Amino acid sequence: MSNKISSNNPSKIHFMLKSTPPRVTFHQDMTEEERNIMLQHIAYWTDKQNQGIALVFGPVLNPAAPYGLAIIEVENEEQVPKIIEEDPAVIARLMTTEFYPMKAIIKL
């Protein structure tokens, strides 16, 4: 078996999204309002996963600087800012999100 730099759909491209919370302790001390926004955030990304856009997403519990991570598969880079802008945690200014192209390696 060989690894190829591609996905199951060669017309798709991949991006890594990194979301930064408002404080290092956020995952431990969210307010009730923040928790409700985060539940909406999780529902949003679960929907993106069900659509085949988010391949994986979730928190990275780095003790020094926790953050959220998503790997997405889209047709073009122009889709990425819209996906980020529609995230309830971004809308609420609870998180900031940056993105970078990624050469996903998927075993075919």
C-alpha atoms as a PDB file:
ATOM      1  CA  MET A   1       0.000   0.000   0.000  1.00  0.00           C
ATOM      2  CA  SER A   2       1.162   3.487  -0.716  1.00  0.00           C
ATOM      3  CA  ASN A   3       0.273   6.852   0.712  1.00  0.00           C
ATOM      4  CA  LYS A   4      -0.860   9.568  -1.657  1.00  0.00           C
ATOM      5  CA  ILE A   5      -1.183  13.262  -0.989  1.00  0.00           C
ATOM      6  CA  SER A   6      -4.835  13.520  -1.811  1.00  0.00           C
ATOM      7  CA  SER A   7      -8.242  12.744  -0.520  1.00  0.00           C
ATOM      8  CA  ASN A   8     -10.890  10.346  -1.713  1.00  0.00           C
ATOM      9  CA  ASN A   9     -12.127  13.261  -3.822  1.00  0.00           C
ATOM     10  CA  PRO A  10      -9.229  14.854  -5.743  1.00  0.00           C
ATOM     11  CA  SER A  11     -11.255  18.025  -6.402  1.00  0.00           C
ATOM     12  CA  LYS A  12     -11.293  18.839  -2.665  1.00  0.00           C
ATOM     13  CA  ILE A  13      -8.659  20.707  -0.660  1.00  0.00           C
ATOM     14  CA  HIS A  14      -7.935  20.649   3.071  1.00  0.00           C
ATOM     15  CA  PHE A  15      -7.430  23.272   5.754  1.00  0.00           C
ATOM     16  CA  MET A  16      -6.452  23.209   9.410  1.00  0.00           C
ATOM     17  CA  LEU A  17      -8.454  25.577  11.597  1.00  0.00           C
ATOM     18  CA  LYS A  18      -7.168  26.658  14.998  1.00  0.00           C
ATOM     19  CA  SER A  19      -9.612  28.346  17.387  1.00  0.00           C
ATOM     20  CA  THR A  20      -8.290  30.251  20.369  1.00  0.00           C
ATOM     21  CA  PRO A  21     -10.514  30.641  23.449  1.00  0.00           C
ATOM     22  CA  PRO A  22     -10.716  33.873  25.452  1.00  0.00           C
ATOM     23  CA  ARG A  23      -8.540  32.533  28.294  1.00  0.00           C
ATOM     24  CA  VAL A  24      -6.329  29.540  29.122  1.00  0.00           C
ATOM     25  CA  THR A  25      -8.750  28.305  31.797  1.00  0.00           C
ATOM     26  CA  PHE A  26     -11.806  28.576  29.524  1.00  0.00           C
ATOM     27  CA  HIS A  27     -12.529  24.826  29.365  1.00  0.00           C
ATOM     28  CA  GLN A  28     -12.585  24.743  33.192  1.00  0.00           C
ATOM     29  CA  ASP A  29     -14.441  27.930  34.121  1.00  0.00           C
ATOM     30  CA  MET A  30     -17.002  28.739  31.422  1.00  0.00           C
ATOM     31  CA  THR A  31     -19.977  30.779  32.486  1.00  0.00           C
ATOM     32  CA  GLU A  32     -23.448  29.408  31.787  1.00  0.00           C
ATOM     33  CA  GLU A  33     -23.767  31.770  28.807  1.00  0.00           C
ATOM     34  CA  GLU A  34     -20.388  30.655  27.435  1.00  0.00           C
ATOM     35  CA  ARG A  35     -21.351  26.999  27.896  1.00  0.00           C
ATOM     36  CA  ASN A  36     -24.564  27.562  25.906  1.00  0.00           C
ATOM     37  CA  ILE A  37     -22.592  29.193  23.100  1.00  0.00           C
ATOM     38  CA  MET A  38     -20.131  26.287  23.137  1.00  0.00           C
ATOM     39  CA  LEU A  39     -23.013  23.807  22.841  1.00  0.00           C
ATOM     40  CA  GLN A  40     -24.140  25.727  19.737  1.00  0.00           C
ATOM     41  CA  HIS A  41     -20.525  25.663  18.505  1.00  0.00           C
ATOM     42  CA  ILE A  42     -20.391  21.861  18.915  1.00  0.00           C
ATOM     43  CA  ALA A  43     -23.750  21.459  17.128  1.00  0.00           C
ATOM     44  CA  TYR A  44     -22.474  23.665  14.284  1.00  0.00           C
ATOM     45  CA  TRP A  45     -19.330  21.578  13.807  1.00  0.00           C
ATOM     46  CA  THR A  46     -21.250  18.314  14.160  1.00  0.00           C
ATOM     47  CA  ASP A  47     -23.452  19.498  11.292  1.00  0.00           C
ATOM     48  CA  LYS A  48     -20.321  20.329   9.249  1.00  0.00           C
ATOM     49  CA  GLN A  49     -19.040  16.823   9.990  1.00  0.00           C
ATOM     50  CA  ASN A  50     -22.362  15.289   8.882  1.00  0.00           C
ATOM     51  CA  GLN A  51     -22.066  17.292   5.644  1.00  0.00           C
ATOM     52  CA  GLY A  52     -18.597  15.834   5.027  1.00  0.00           C
ATOM     53  CA  ILE A  53     -16.872  19.206   5.475  1.00  0.00           C
ATOM     54  CA  ALA A  54     -15.295  18.700   8.926  1.00  0.00           C
ATOM     55  CA  LEU A  55     -13.214  15.543   8.897  1.00  0.00           C
ATOM     56  CA  VAL A  56     -12.324  15.929  12.573  1.00  0.00           C
ATOM     57  CA  PHE A  57     -12.802  18.614  15.211  1.00  0.00           C
ATOM     58  CA  GLY A  58     -12.396  19.062  18.933  1.00  0.00           C
ATOM     59  CA  PRO A  59     -10.435  20.643  21.748  1.00  0.00           C
ATOM     60  CA  VAL A  60      -6.701  20.216  22.137  1.00  0.00           C
ATOM     61  CA  LEU A  61      -6.016  20.280  25.867  1.00  0.00           C
ATOM     62  CA  ASN A  62      -2.517  21.691  25.827  1.00  0.00           C
ATOM     63  CA  PRO A  63      -2.069  22.742  29.502  1.00  0.00           C
ATOM     64  CA  ALA A  64      -0.133  25.874  28.539  1.00  0.00           C
ATOM     65  CA  ALA A  65      -2.518  27.023  25.808  1.00  0.00           C
ATOM     66  CA  PRO A  66      -5.615  24.948  24.991  1.00  0.00           C
ATOM     67  CA  TYR A  67      -7.262  25.505  21.596  1.00  0.00           C
ATOM     68  CA  GLY A  68      -9.797  24.045  19.207  1.00  0.00           C
ATOM     69  CA  LEU A  69      -8.759  22.188  16.077  1.00  0.00           C
ATOM     70  CA  ALA A  70     -10.650  21.241  12.935  1.00  0.00           C
ATOM     71  CA  ILE A  71      -9.518  19.638   9.702  1.00  0.00           C
ATOM     72  CA  ILE A  72     -11.903  20.519   6.892  1.00  0.00           C
ATOM     73  CA  GLU A  73     -12.311  19.451   3.272  1.00  0.00           C
ATOM     74  CA  VAL A  74     -13.708  22.031   0.825  1.00  0.00           C
ATOM     75  CA  GLU A  75     -13.801  22.762  -2.892  1.00  0.00           C
ATOM     76  CA  ASN A  76     -11.997  26.122  -2.659  1.00  0.00           C
ATOM     77  CA  GLU A  77     -10.337  28.433  -0.172  1.00  0.00           C
ATOM     78  CA  GLU A  78     -13.099  31.045  -0.518  1.00  0.00           C
ATOM     79  CA  GLN A  79     -15.441  28.733   1.448  1.00  0.00           C
ATOM     80  CA  VAL A  80     -13.261  28.750   4.564  1.00  0.00           C
ATOM     81  CA  PRO A  81     -13.860  32.314   5.859  1.00  0.00           C
ATOM     82  CA  LYS A  82     -17.633  31.834   5.507  1.00  0.00           C
ATOM     83  CA  ILE A  83     -17.504  28.565   7.477  1.00  0.00           C
ATOM     84  CA  ILE A  84     -15.546  30.344  10.223  1.00  0.00           C
ATOM     85  CA  GLU A  85     -17.785  33.451  10.247  1.00  0.00           C
ATOM     86  CA  GLU A  86     -20.906  31.307  10.759  1.00  0.00           C
ATOM     87  CA  ASP A  87     -19.509  29.515  13.831  1.00  0.00           C
ATOM     88  CA  PRO A  88     -21.594  30.566  16.871  1.00  0.00           C
ATOM     89  CA  ALA A  89     -18.454  30.886  19.040  1.00  0.00           C
ATOM     90  CA  VAL A  90     -16.908  33.263  16.489  1.00  0.00           C
ATOM     91  CA  ILE A  91     -20.151  35.231  16.106  1.00  0.00           C
ATOM     92  CA  ALA A  92     -20.267  35.651  19.912  1.00  0.00           C
ATOM     93  CA  ARG A  93     -16.586  36.696  19.877  1.00  0.00           C
ATOM     94  CA  LEU A  94     -15.829  33.857  22.247  1.00  0.00           C
ATOM     95  CA  MET A  95     -13.157  32.434  19.944  1.00  0.00           C
ATOM     96  CA  THR A  96     -10.912  33.660  17.199  1.00  0.00           C
ATOM     97  CA  THR A  97     -10.086  31.258  14.397  1.00  0.00           C
ATOM     98  CA  GLU A  98      -7.197  31.159  11.974  1.00  0.00           C
ATOM     99  CA  PHE A  99      -6.758  28.730   9.086  1.00  0.00           C
ATOM    100  CA  TYR A 100      -3.962  27.290   6.993  1.00  0.00           C
ATOM    101  CA  PRO A 101      -3.831  25.074   3.910  1.00  0.00           C
ATOM    102  CA  MET A 102      -2.991  21.478   4.679  1.00  0.00           C
ATOM    103  CA  LYS A 103      -1.615  18.689   2.557  1.00  0.00           C
ATOM    104  CA  ALA A 104      -3.794  15.897   3.908  1.00  0.00           C
ATOM    105  CA  ILE A 105      -2.337  12.427   3.539  1.00  0.00           C
ATOM    106  CA  ILE A 106      -5.051   9.830   3.318  1.00  0.00           C
ATOM    107  CA  LYS A 107      -4.326   6.167   2.825  1.00  0.00           C
ATOM    108  CA  LEU A 108      -6.201   4.972  -0.240  1.00  0.00           C
END
